Amino acid sequence: MEVRKMSLEPVSITPKAIEEVKNIMSNKGIPEDYALRIGIKGGGCGAMGYMLGFDKPNDSDISYSHNEVPIVIEKKHVMYLMGLEVDFLEESDARGFCFNKD
């Protein structure tokens, strides 16, 4: 299987989000051959949303690494994700990943 590597990073990830992704990968038993998958969900009549997960790369992906975290994005999602920033917030009443689009 040949996954296309990108020199440009379509999605940026803040240091806090990278730290949390690495924490999840090491503490939740994510297999070493998996990568962080960033994608879109929904659309159509409803609003498009963003998704994160861990998955094996496949032929329809582009891949890159950000601060030693392997990232995969399905090729057809790249145009919708360009300029997206993934962050991680820890506040007194909320904790989780958030997505900021410029």
N, C-alpha and C. Protein backbone atom coordinates (compact mmCIF):
# COMPACT_ATOMS: atom_id res chain seq x y z
N MET A 1 0.84 -1.16 0.00
CA MET A 1 0.00 0.00 0.00
C MET A 1 0.90 1.24 0.00
N GLU A 2 0.62 2.16 -0.91
CA GLU A 2 1.42 3.38 -0.99
C GLU A 2 0.55 4.57 -0.59
N VAL A 3 0.92 5.20 0.52
CA VAL A 3 0.20 6.37 0.98
C VAL A 3 0.99 7.59 0.55
N ARG A 4 0.33 8.53 -0.07
CA ARG A 4 1.00 9.73 -0.57
C ARG A 4 1.39 10.65 0.58
N LYS A 5 2.66 11.07 0.60
CA LYS A 5 3.18 11.98 1.63
C LYS A 5 3.02 13.41 1.15
N MET A 6 2.66 14.31 2.07
CA MET A 6 2.52 15.73 1.74
C MET A 6 3.65 16.52 2.36
N SER A 7 4.13 17.52 1.65
CA SER A 7 5.12 18.42 2.23
C SER A 7 4.42 19.60 2.90
N LEU A 8 3.21 19.90 2.47
CA LEU A 8 2.40 20.96 3.05
C LEU A 8 1.47 20.35 4.09
N GLU A 9 1.31 21.02 5.22
CA GLU A 9 0.39 20.52 6.25
C GLU A 9 -0.95 21.23 6.10
N PRO A 10 -1.97 20.53 5.61
CA PRO A 10 -3.28 21.17 5.43
C PRO A 10 -3.95 21.52 6.75
N VAL A 11 -3.64 20.77 7.81
CA VAL A 11 -4.22 20.99 9.13
C VAL A 11 -3.09 21.24 10.11
N SER A 12 -3.20 22.31 10.90
CA SER A 12 -2.20 22.55 11.95
C SER A 12 -2.75 22.05 13.28
N ILE A 13 -1.86 21.67 14.14
CA ILE A 13 -2.25 21.14 15.45
C ILE A 13 -1.44 21.87 16.50
N THR A 14 -2.14 22.41 17.50
CA THR A 14 -1.46 23.18 18.54
C THR A 14 -0.63 22.25 19.42
N PRO A 15 0.36 22.80 20.10
CA PRO A 15 1.17 21.97 21.01
C PRO A 15 0.33 21.25 22.07
N LYS A 16 -0.69 21.90 22.59
CA LYS A 16 -1.56 21.27 23.60
C LYS A 16 -2.31 20.07 23.01
N ALA A 17 -2.78 20.21 21.76
CA ALA A 17 -3.48 19.10 21.11
C ALA A 17 -2.52 17.95 20.81
N ILE A 18 -1.29 18.27 20.36
CA ILE A 18 -0.29 17.23 20.11
C ILE A 18 0.01 16.47 21.40
N GLU A 19 0.15 17.20 22.49
CA GLU A 19 0.42 16.57 23.78
C GLU A 19 -0.70 15.60 24.15
N GLU A 20 -1.95 16.00 23.94
CA GLU A 20 -3.08 15.13 24.28
C GLU A 20 -3.16 13.93 23.34
N VAL A 21 -2.88 14.12 22.06
CA VAL A 21 -2.89 13.00 21.11
C VAL A 21 -1.82 11.98 21.51
N LYS A 22 -0.62 12.45 21.83
CA LYS A 22 0.44 11.55 22.26
C LYS A 22 0.06 10.81 23.53
N ASN A 23 -0.60 11.50 24.44
CA ASN A 23 -1.07 10.88 25.68
C ASN A 23 -2.07 9.76 25.38
N ILE A 24 -3.00 10.03 24.50
CA ILE A 24 -4.00 9.02 24.12
C ILE A 24 -3.32 7.83 23.46
N MET A 25 -2.40 8.12 22.53
CA MET A 25 -1.73 7.04 21.82
C MET A 25 -0.94 6.12 22.76
N SER A 26 -0.31 6.71 23.76
CA SER A 26 0.51 5.88 24.65
C SER A 26 -0.31 5.20 25.74
N ASN A 27 -1.42 5.79 26.16
CA ASN A 27 -2.18 5.24 27.28
C ASN A 27 -3.42 4.43 26.90
N LYS A 28 -3.83 4.49 25.66
CA LYS A 28 -5.05 3.78 25.24
C LYS A 28 -4.76 2.59 24.33
N GLY A 29 -3.49 2.23 24.21
CA GLY A 29 -3.15 1.04 23.43
C GLY A 29 -3.37 1.18 21.93
N ILE A 30 -3.18 2.37 21.39
CA ILE A 30 -3.31 2.57 19.95
C ILE A 30 -2.14 1.86 19.27
N PRO A 31 -2.41 0.98 18.30
CA PRO A 31 -1.32 0.25 17.62
C PRO A 31 -0.33 1.20 16.96
N GLU A 32 0.92 0.80 16.91
CA GLU A 32 1.98 1.65 16.36
C GLU A 32 1.80 1.95 14.88
N ASP A 33 1.10 1.09 14.14
CA ASP A 33 0.93 1.33 12.70
C ASP A 33 -0.31 2.18 12.41
N TYR A 34 -0.95 2.71 13.44
CA TYR A 34 -2.10 3.61 13.27
C TYR A 34 -1.61 5.05 13.27
N ALA A 35 -2.44 5.92 12.70
CA ALA A 35 -2.14 7.35 12.65
C ALA A 35 -3.38 8.12 13.10
N LEU A 36 -3.19 9.38 13.40
CA LEU A 36 -4.32 10.25 13.73
C LEU A 36 -5.03 10.58 12.42
N ARG A 37 -6.30 10.21 12.32
CA ARG A 37 -7.09 10.51 11.13
C ARG A 37 -7.91 11.77 11.41
N ILE A 38 -7.77 12.74 10.52
CA ILE A 38 -8.55 13.97 10.58
C ILE A 38 -9.45 13.97 9.36
N GLY A 39 -10.73 14.23 9.57
CA GLY A 39 -11.66 14.18 8.44
C GLY A 39 -12.88 15.05 8.66
N ILE A 40 -13.80 14.91 7.72
CA ILE A 40 -15.07 15.62 7.81
C ILE A 40 -16.20 14.61 7.91
N LYS A 41 -17.29 15.07 8.46
CA LYS A 41 -18.49 14.23 8.53
C LYS A 41 -19.69 15.11 8.25
N GLY A 42 -20.75 14.50 7.82
CA GLY A 42 -21.96 15.26 7.55
C GLY A 42 -21.89 15.98 6.22
N GLY A 43 -22.53 17.14 6.19
CA GLY A 43 -22.64 17.89 4.95
C GLY A 43 -24.06 17.77 4.44
N GLY A 44 -24.25 17.94 3.16
CA GLY A 44 -25.60 17.89 2.61
C GLY A 44 -26.43 19.02 3.18
N CYS A 45 -27.61 18.71 3.68
CA CYS A 45 -28.48 19.75 4.25
C CYS A 45 -28.00 20.20 5.63
N GLY A 46 -27.30 19.34 6.32
CA GLY A 46 -26.78 19.68 7.64
C GLY A 46 -25.40 20.31 7.54
N ALA A 47 -24.95 20.85 8.63
CA ALA A 47 -23.63 21.46 8.65
C ALA A 47 -22.55 20.39 8.62
N MET A 48 -21.44 20.73 8.00
CA MET A 48 -20.31 19.82 7.97
C MET A 48 -19.60 19.90 9.31
N GLY A 49 -19.14 18.78 9.81
CA GLY A 49 -18.39 18.75 11.05
C GLY A 49 -17.03 18.10 10.83
N TYR A 50 -16.19 18.21 11.81
CA TYR A 50 -14.86 17.65 11.74
C TYR A 50 -14.76 16.45 12.68
N MET A 51 -13.86 15.53 12.36
CA MET A 51 -13.70 14.35 13.20
C MET A 51 -12.23 14.00 13.36
N LEU A 52 -11.94 13.39 14.51
CA LEU A 52 -10.61 12.87 14.81
C LEU A 52 -10.77 11.42 15.22
N GLY A 53 -9.81 10.62 14.89
CA GLY A 53 -9.80 9.22 15.31
C GLY A 53 -8.45 8.62 15.01
N PHE A 54 -8.30 7.36 15.29
CA PHE A 54 -7.06 6.65 14.99
C PHE A 54 -7.39 5.53 14.03
N ASP A 55 -6.57 5.39 13.00
CA ASP A 55 -6.88 4.45 11.93
C ASP A 55 -5.60 4.09 11.19
N LYS A 56 -5.64 2.97 10.48
CA LYS A 56 -4.53 2.60 9.60
C LYS A 56 -4.62 3.44 8.34
N PRO A 57 -3.48 3.89 7.83
CA PRO A 57 -3.48 4.60 6.54
C PRO A 57 -3.96 3.67 5.44
N ASN A 58 -4.60 4.25 4.42
CA ASN A 58 -5.00 3.45 3.26
C ASN A 58 -4.66 4.19 1.97
N ASP A 59 -4.93 3.57 0.85
CA ASP A 59 -4.53 4.11 -0.46
C ASP A 59 -5.17 5.44 -0.80
N SER A 60 -6.30 5.76 -0.23
CA SER A 60 -6.97 7.02 -0.56
C SER A 60 -6.58 8.15 0.40
N ASP A 61 -5.46 8.01 1.11
CA ASP A 61 -5.01 9.00 2.09
C ASP A 61 -3.78 9.75 1.61
N ILE A 62 -3.64 10.95 2.14
CA ILE A 62 -2.35 11.63 2.13
C ILE A 62 -1.87 11.56 3.57
N SER A 63 -0.59 11.66 3.78
CA SER A 63 -0.08 11.56 5.14
C SER A 63 1.04 12.55 5.35
N TYR A 64 1.21 12.94 6.59
CA TYR A 64 2.33 13.76 7.02
C TYR A 64 2.50 13.57 8.50
N SER A 65 3.54 14.11 9.03
CA SER A 65 3.82 13.99 10.46
C SER A 65 3.92 15.39 11.05
N HIS A 66 3.34 15.56 12.22
CA HIS A 66 3.42 16.84 12.93
C HIS A 66 3.94 16.55 14.33
N ASN A 67 5.15 17.01 14.61
CA ASN A 67 5.75 16.83 15.93
C ASN A 67 5.73 15.35 16.34
N GLU A 68 6.14 14.49 15.41
CA GLU A 68 6.25 13.05 15.62
C GLU A 68 4.91 12.32 15.72
N VAL A 69 3.82 12.98 15.37
CA VAL A 69 2.52 12.33 15.33
C VAL A 69 2.16 12.10 13.86
N PRO A 70 2.00 10.83 13.45
CA PRO A 70 1.60 10.55 12.07
C PRO A 70 0.13 10.95 11.86
N ILE A 71 -0.12 11.64 10.75
CA ILE A 71 -1.47 12.13 10.46
C ILE A 71 -1.87 11.66 9.07
N VAL A 72 -3.11 11.20 8.93
CA VAL A 72 -3.65 10.82 7.63
C VAL A 72 -4.96 11.56 7.40
N ILE A 73 -5.15 11.92 6.13
CA ILE A 73 -6.38 12.60 5.70
C ILE A 73 -6.78 11.98 4.37
N GLU A 74 -8.05 11.65 4.25
CA GLU A 74 -8.53 11.13 2.98
C GLU A 74 -8.39 12.22 1.92
N LYS A 75 -7.86 11.87 0.76
CA LYS A 75 -7.57 12.86 -0.29
C LYS A 75 -8.76 13.76 -0.59
N LYS A 76 -9.95 13.19 -0.65
CA LYS A 76 -11.12 14.00 -1.03
C LYS A 76 -11.54 14.97 0.08
N HIS A 77 -10.99 14.84 1.29
CA HIS A 77 -11.32 15.75 2.39
C HIS A 77 -10.37 16.94 2.49
N VAL A 78 -9.21 16.84 1.83
CA VAL A 78 -8.17 17.86 2.00
C VAL A 78 -8.68 19.26 1.71
N MET A 79 -9.43 19.46 0.63
CA MET A 79 -9.88 20.81 0.26
C MET A 79 -10.81 21.41 1.31
N TYR A 80 -11.50 20.59 2.08
CA TYR A 80 -12.39 21.10 3.12
C TYR A 80 -11.64 21.37 4.43
N LEU A 81 -10.46 20.78 4.56
CA LEU A 81 -9.70 20.90 5.81
C LEU A 81 -8.57 21.93 5.77
N MET A 82 -8.23 22.42 4.57
CA MET A 82 -7.14 23.40 4.44
C MET A 82 -7.39 24.58 5.37
N GLY A 83 -6.38 24.92 6.17
CA GLY A 83 -6.49 26.05 7.09
C GLY A 83 -7.11 25.71 8.44
N LEU A 84 -7.46 24.46 8.67
CA LEU A 84 -8.04 24.05 9.94
C LEU A 84 -6.95 23.94 11.01
N GLU A 85 -7.28 24.37 12.21
CA GLU A 85 -6.39 24.19 13.35
C GLU A 85 -7.11 23.34 14.39
N VAL A 86 -6.42 22.31 14.87
CA VAL A 86 -6.95 21.46 15.93
C VAL A 86 -6.30 21.91 17.23
N ASP A 87 -7.12 22.15 18.24
CA ASP A 87 -6.62 22.59 19.54
C ASP A 87 -7.23 21.67 20.60
N PHE A 88 -6.71 21.75 21.80
CA PHE A 88 -7.26 20.99 22.93
C PHE A 88 -7.46 21.96 24.08
N LEU A 89 -8.69 22.00 24.59
CA LEU A 89 -9.02 22.90 25.68
C LEU A 89 -9.28 22.13 26.96
N GLU A 90 -8.77 22.66 28.05
CA GLU A 90 -9.04 22.12 29.38
C GLU A 90 -9.50 23.28 30.24
N GLU A 91 -10.80 23.34 30.46
CA GLU A 91 -11.37 24.39 31.29
C GLU A 91 -12.12 23.75 32.44
N SER A 92 -12.57 24.55 33.38
CA SER A 92 -13.24 24.00 34.56
C SER A 92 -14.52 23.24 34.20
N ASP A 93 -15.21 23.66 33.14
CA ASP A 93 -16.47 23.01 32.79
C ASP A 93 -16.45 22.25 31.46
N ALA A 94 -15.30 22.25 30.79
CA ALA A 94 -15.22 21.55 29.50
C ALA A 94 -13.79 21.11 29.23
N ARG A 95 -13.69 19.99 28.53
CA ARG A 95 -12.38 19.44 28.17
C ARG A 95 -12.54 18.69 26.86
N GLY A 96 -11.70 19.02 25.88
CA GLY A 96 -11.76 18.29 24.63
C GLY A 96 -11.12 19.01 23.47
N PHE A 97 -11.12 18.34 22.33
CA PHE A 97 -10.55 18.91 21.11
C PHE A 97 -11.53 19.89 20.51
N CYS A 98 -10.99 20.94 19.91
CA CYS A 98 -11.85 21.90 19.21
C CYS A 98 -11.18 22.22 17.86
N PHE A 99 -11.97 22.71 16.95
CA PHE A 99 -11.53 22.96 15.59
C PHE A 99 -11.75 24.44 15.27
N ASN A 100 -10.71 25.08 14.77
CA ASN A 100 -10.78 26.49 14.40
C ASN A 100 -10.42 26.62 12.93
N LYS A 101 -11.30 27.21 12.16
CA LYS A 101 -11.07 27.37 10.71
C LYS A 101 -10.86 28.84 10.42
N ASP A 102 -9.78 29.16 9.68
CA ASP A 102 -9.54 30.56 9.34
C ASP A 102 -10.34 31.02 8.17
